[in-house]
Amino acid sequence: MARNRDKHNSVDASRRMVVADLADQNLKKHIAAIHINNRLTLTQRKASNVLLYNAYESLLTARVHRIRVKDLAEAIGFNTHNLDPLKEALKTLARTVLEWNILDEDGQQEEWGATTLLAQAVIKGGYCVYAYSPELCEKLYRPEIYALLNLSIQRKFSSSYALALYENCLRYRRVGTTGWIGLDILKRLLGISDADSYYQDFRKFNDKVIKPAVRQVNDTSDLVLEIDYQRDHRKITAVRFRVSDNPQMLLFSQHQAA
């Protein structure tokens, strides 16, 4: 009996280590997977990042990848008692089109390509088995341009707009600015549909989406963002985010490492 209990405790401890490893690692995320026509919810975006981290080392050598469903759910801070939303997230990833290099470092359009975020996803026997398209595997494994995303930071976000903004600004932390981004492109990057007439009014878009997203990035992450507005006469036509390191988060990271 004691031996079985020890074995059970050992398995639980090992799984907790896997979850902790998934939740507290840096992911080199290709800019293609960030500058996406993003209509992902917060759960979907977090799941996409954890799946990529889990598969990264075998992207070029394995056709499919596996992760325990409980580990995936816990790594994104998700309720494991109801997996229906997680299944919906996987279905969405399998039909979400990724367009890469929408923006270059100056905020201008660059090379175009398209694929889906997941080629397939199957839940069976307590595992999630999933695959990427060959083209996407190559790009994700050898990212010419990437942003370093910390998965422990992403767990703290409660807004999909804020997490999408954070990911899109990570690449520019050394440059210090995103460059000017047109409002239509920014809406696409944050996951707002072109058909959503409510946010055609810039004041609503700014008050309900941009400003709250910036506040959450500044309060939650290792970045500090400031907004500049470009005007044509009195009309706002583009925004630019000035990007710097969050000194409070840097101190926290140093304290954690000590």
Protein backbone atom coordinates (compact mmCIF):
# COMPACT_ATOMS: atom_id res chain seq x y z
CA MET A 1 0.00 0.00 0.00
CA ALA A 2 2.80 2.42 0.97
CA ARG A 3 4.63 1.57 -2.27
CA ASN A 4 1.51 2.37 -4.33
CA ARG A 5 1.03 5.62 -2.43
CA ASP A 6 4.66 6.59 -3.06
CA LYS A 7 4.28 5.76 -6.74
CA HIS A 8 1.09 7.87 -6.95
CA ASN A 9 2.79 10.78 -5.20
CA SER A 10 5.75 10.48 -7.55
CA VAL A 11 3.48 10.63 -10.62
CA ASP A 12 1.64 13.66 -9.22
CA ALA A 13 4.93 15.39 -8.46
CA SER A 14 6.22 14.68 -11.97
CA ARG A 15 3.05 16.08 -13.56
CA ARG A 16 3.25 19.22 -11.41
CA MET A 17 6.80 19.69 -12.64
CA VAL A 18 5.61 19.39 -16.26
CA VAL A 19 2.87 21.97 -15.66
CA ALA A 20 5.29 24.32 -13.93
CA ASP A 21 7.79 23.87 -16.76
CA LEU A 22 5.17 24.68 -19.37
CA ALA A 23 3.88 27.70 -17.47
CA ASP A 24 7.23 29.29 -16.64
CA GLN A 25 9.31 29.16 -19.80
CA ASN A 26 10.28 31.52 -22.58
CA LEU A 27 8.86 30.74 -26.00
CA LYS A 28 10.55 32.00 -29.16
CA LYS A 29 7.41 32.87 -31.05
CA HIS A 30 7.65 33.66 -34.76
CA ILE A 31 6.34 37.08 -35.67
CA ALA A 32 4.03 35.29 -38.12
CA ALA A 33 2.24 33.72 -35.17
CA ILE A 34 1.91 37.10 -33.48
CA HIS A 35 1.01 39.40 -36.37
CA ILE A 36 -2.06 37.30 -37.05
CA ASN A 37 -5.51 38.36 -38.20
CA ASN A 38 -6.30 37.72 -34.60
CA ARG A 39 -9.81 36.67 -33.73
CA LEU A 40 -8.63 34.45 -30.89
CA THR A 41 -10.06 34.56 -27.42
CA LEU A 42 -7.75 34.79 -24.43
CA THR A 43 -7.98 31.02 -23.81
CA GLN A 44 -7.31 30.23 -27.47
CA ARG A 45 -4.26 32.45 -27.62
CA LYS A 46 -2.82 31.03 -24.40
CA ALA A 47 -3.46 27.47 -25.58
CA SER A 48 -1.71 28.19 -28.88
CA ASN A 49 1.40 29.38 -27.05
CA VAL A 50 1.54 26.40 -24.67
CA LEU A 51 1.05 23.91 -27.53
CA LEU A 52 3.88 25.53 -29.46
CA TYR A 53 6.23 25.45 -26.48
CA ASN A 54 5.39 21.79 -25.85
CA ALA A 55 6.10 20.85 -29.49
CA TYR A 56 9.02 23.14 -30.22
CA GLU A 57 11.97 20.73 -29.86
CA SER A 58 10.36 18.15 -32.16
CA LEU A 59 8.74 20.45 -34.73
CA LEU A 60 10.97 19.21 -37.55
CA THR A 61 11.21 15.57 -36.47
CA ALA A 62 7.71 14.58 -35.35
CA ARG A 63 4.57 14.59 -37.48
CA VAL A 64 2.28 14.91 -34.44
CA HIS A 65 2.76 16.11 -30.86
CA ARG A 66 1.18 15.04 -27.56
CA ILE A 67 0.38 16.74 -24.29
CA ARG A 68 -1.76 15.62 -21.37
CA VAL A 69 -5.07 17.46 -21.47
CA LYS A 70 -4.83 18.21 -17.74
CA ASP A 71 -1.34 19.64 -18.19
CA LEU A 72 -2.48 21.84 -21.05
CA ALA A 73 -5.50 23.07 -19.08
CA GLU A 74 -3.50 23.80 -15.94
CA ALA A 75 -0.65 25.48 -17.82
CA ILE A 76 -3.06 28.10 -19.15
CA GLY A 77 -4.87 28.43 -15.82
CA PHE A 78 -7.98 26.66 -17.06
CA ASN A 79 -10.68 24.70 -15.24
CA THR A 80 -10.05 21.00 -15.84
CA HIS A 81 -13.57 19.93 -14.81
CA ASN A 82 -15.19 21.27 -17.97
CA LEU A 83 -13.12 20.72 -21.10
CA ASP A 84 -15.73 21.88 -23.59
CA PRO A 85 -14.24 25.40 -23.84
CA LEU A 86 -10.81 23.86 -24.39
CA LYS A 87 -12.20 21.71 -27.20
CA GLU A 88 -13.76 24.82 -28.73
CA ALA A 89 -10.38 26.55 -28.47
CA LEU A 90 -8.68 23.70 -30.33
CA LYS A 91 -11.33 23.76 -33.06
CA THR A 92 -10.85 27.48 -33.48
CA LEU A 93 -7.06 27.09 -33.76
CA ALA A 94 -7.60 24.45 -36.45
CA ARG A 95 -9.61 26.87 -38.58
CA THR A 96 -7.80 30.12 -37.76
CA VAL A 97 -5.79 31.41 -40.71
CA LEU A 98 -2.35 32.76 -39.86
CA GLU A 99 -0.92 35.40 -42.21
CA TRP A 100 2.79 35.97 -41.64
CA ASN A 101 4.87 39.10 -41.75
CA ILE A 102 1.93 41.44 -41.93
CA LEU A 103 4.25 44.12 -40.52
CA ASP A 104 7.95 44.77 -40.83
CA GLU A 105 9.96 46.74 -38.27
CA ASP A 106 8.70 50.02 -39.72
CA GLY A 107 5.09 48.95 -39.45
CA GLN A 108 4.81 48.38 -43.21
CA GLN A 109 3.44 45.33 -45.02
CA GLU A 110 6.01 42.70 -46.00
CA GLU A 111 5.95 39.10 -47.34
CA TRP A 112 2.58 37.38 -47.35
CA GLY A 113 1.75 33.76 -46.64
CA ALA A 114 -1.08 31.83 -45.05
CA THR A 115 -1.79 28.59 -43.20
CA THR A 116 -3.91 27.48 -40.24
CA LEU A 117 -2.57 27.56 -36.68
CA LEU A 118 -3.22 23.83 -36.21
CA ALA A 119 -3.52 21.22 -38.93
CA GLN A 120 -5.40 18.89 -36.58
CA ALA A 121 -6.27 18.27 -32.93
CA VAL A 122 -7.54 15.08 -31.32
CA ILE A 123 -8.37 14.40 -27.67
CA LYS A 124 -8.09 10.73 -26.77
CA GLY A 125 -7.12 8.80 -23.68
CA GLY A 126 -6.47 11.95 -21.66
CA TYR A 127 -4.06 13.38 -24.25
CA CYS A 128 -4.32 16.14 -26.81
CA VAL A 129 -2.65 15.01 -30.06
CA TYR A 130 -2.06 17.81 -32.55
CA ALA A 131 -0.09 18.76 -35.64
CA TYR A 132 1.10 21.80 -37.61
CA SER A 133 1.41 22.19 -41.36
CA PRO A 134 4.94 21.50 -42.73
CA GLU A 135 5.37 25.14 -43.78
CA LEU A 136 4.42 26.40 -40.36
CA CYS A 137 6.71 23.88 -38.60
CA GLU A 138 9.65 25.26 -40.57
CA LYS A 139 8.83 28.87 -39.79
CA LEU A 140 8.11 28.25 -36.12
CA TYR A 141 11.29 26.25 -35.57
CA ARG A 142 13.63 28.58 -37.44
CA PRO A 143 12.18 32.01 -36.76
CA GLU A 144 14.22 34.62 -38.61
CA ILE A 145 12.32 37.16 -36.57
CA TYR A 146 10.83 36.28 -33.23
CA ALA A 147 9.57 37.70 -29.97
CA LEU A 148 10.49 36.09 -26.65
CA LEU A 149 7.24 35.35 -24.85
CA ASN A 150 7.28 34.29 -21.20
CA LEU A 151 4.46 31.82 -20.58
CA SER A 152 4.25 32.65 -16.88
CA ILE A 153 3.50 36.27 -17.80
CA GLN A 154 0.81 35.30 -20.29
CA ARG A 155 -1.10 33.47 -17.53
CA LYS A 156 -1.66 36.79 -15.76
CA PHE A 157 -3.59 38.38 -18.61
CA SER A 158 -7.37 38.51 -18.36
CA SER A 159 -7.99 40.38 -21.63
CA SER A 160 -7.45 38.92 -25.09
CA TYR A 161 -6.88 42.45 -26.43
CA ALA A 162 -4.13 43.06 -23.87
CA LEU A 163 -2.37 39.74 -24.54
CA ALA A 164 -2.51 40.32 -28.31
CA LEU A 165 -1.12 43.84 -27.87
CA TYR A 166 1.62 42.54 -25.58
CA GLU A 167 2.69 39.91 -28.09
CA ASN A 168 2.68 42.41 -30.94
CA CYS A 169 4.86 44.86 -28.98
CA LEU A 170 7.42 42.35 -27.68
CA ARG A 171 9.43 42.42 -30.89
CA TYR A 172 10.00 46.16 -30.58
CA ARG A 173 11.38 46.33 -27.04
CA ARG A 174 14.93 46.90 -28.32
CA VAL A 175 13.83 49.33 -31.04
CA GLY A 176 11.70 51.30 -28.59
CA THR A 177 8.69 51.87 -30.84
CA THR A 178 6.33 49.90 -33.06
CA GLY A 179 6.23 52.54 -35.76
CA TRP A 180 2.90 53.91 -36.92
CA ILE A 181 0.12 51.32 -37.21
CA GLY A 182 -3.04 52.13 -39.13
CA LEU A 183 -6.25 51.69 -37.21
CA ASP A 184 -7.62 48.97 -39.52
CA ILE A 185 -4.43 46.92 -39.15
CA LEU A 186 -4.43 47.40 -35.38
CA LYS A 187 -8.02 46.18 -35.15
CA ARG A 188 -7.13 43.07 -37.13
CA LEU A 189 -4.13 42.37 -34.90
CA LEU A 190 -6.26 42.70 -31.77
CA GLY A 191 -9.05 40.51 -33.15
CA ILE A 192 -11.74 43.06 -33.95
CA SER A 193 -13.80 42.20 -36.99
CA ASP A 194 -13.99 44.61 -39.92
CA ALA A 195 -17.75 44.20 -39.68
CA ASP A 196 -17.85 45.47 -36.09
CA SER A 197 -19.34 48.92 -36.57
CA TYR A 198 -19.18 49.82 -32.86
CA TYR A 199 -15.43 50.39 -33.00
CA GLN A 200 -15.55 52.46 -36.18
CA ASP A 201 -15.85 55.35 -33.74
CA PHE A 202 -12.23 55.87 -32.66
CA ARG A 203 -13.20 57.23 -29.25
CA LYS A 204 -14.96 53.95 -28.45
CA PHE A 205 -12.08 51.91 -29.85
CA ASN A 206 -9.60 53.93 -27.80
CA ASP A 207 -11.60 53.98 -24.56
CA LYS A 208 -12.84 50.38 -24.64
CA VAL A 209 -9.92 48.54 -26.25
CA ILE A 210 -6.63 50.40 -26.65
CA LYS A 211 -6.35 52.21 -23.31
CA PRO A 212 -7.51 49.24 -21.15
CA ALA A 213 -5.15 46.93 -23.06
CA VAL A 214 -2.22 49.27 -22.49
CA ARG A 215 -3.07 49.52 -18.78
CA GLN A 216 -3.14 45.74 -18.39
CA VAL A 217 0.15 45.31 -20.26
CA ASN A 218 1.75 47.92 -18.01
CA ASP A 219 0.29 46.44 -14.82
CA THR A 220 0.86 42.78 -15.69
CA SER A 221 3.88 42.33 -17.90
CA ASP A 222 7.57 43.10 -18.31
CA LEU A 223 6.79 45.91 -20.78
CA VAL A 224 5.67 49.50 -20.38
CA LEU A 225 3.71 50.97 -23.29
CA GLU A 226 2.92 54.58 -24.10
CA ILE A 227 0.63 55.65 -26.95
CA ASP A 228 1.20 58.32 -29.59
CA TYR A 229 -1.54 59.38 -31.97
CA GLN A 230 -1.13 60.42 -35.60
CA ARG A 231 -3.68 62.93 -36.84
CA ASP A 232 -4.88 64.02 -40.23
CA HIS A 233 -6.35 67.40 -39.32
CA ARG A 234 -8.50 66.40 -36.32
CA LYS A 235 -8.98 62.74 -37.24
CA ILE A 236 -6.82 60.00 -35.66
CA THR A 237 -5.43 57.85 -38.49
CA ALA A 238 -2.75 55.74 -36.78
CA VAL A 239 -1.21 54.96 -33.41
CA ARG A 240 2.32 54.19 -32.30
CA PHE A 241 3.34 52.38 -29.13
CA ARG A 242 6.55 53.35 -27.39
CA VAL A 243 7.96 50.20 -25.79
CA SER A 244 10.29 49.97 -22.80
CA ASP A 245 11.15 47.49 -20.07
CA ASN A 246 9.02 47.50 -16.94
CA PRO A 247 11.56 48.17 -14.13
CA GLN A 248 9.27 46.68 -11.49
CA MET A 249 9.06 43.38 -13.37
CA LEU A 250 12.82 43.37 -13.94
CA LEU A 251 13.38 43.75 -10.20
CA PHE A 252 10.90 40.95 -9.55
CA SER A 253 12.68 38.68 -12.03
CA GLN A 254 16.05 39.40 -10.43
CA HIS A 255 14.61 38.68 -6.99
CA GLN A 256 13.15 35.38 -8.25
CA ALA A 257 16.48 34.37 -9.76
CA ALA A 258 18.49 35.23 -6.61
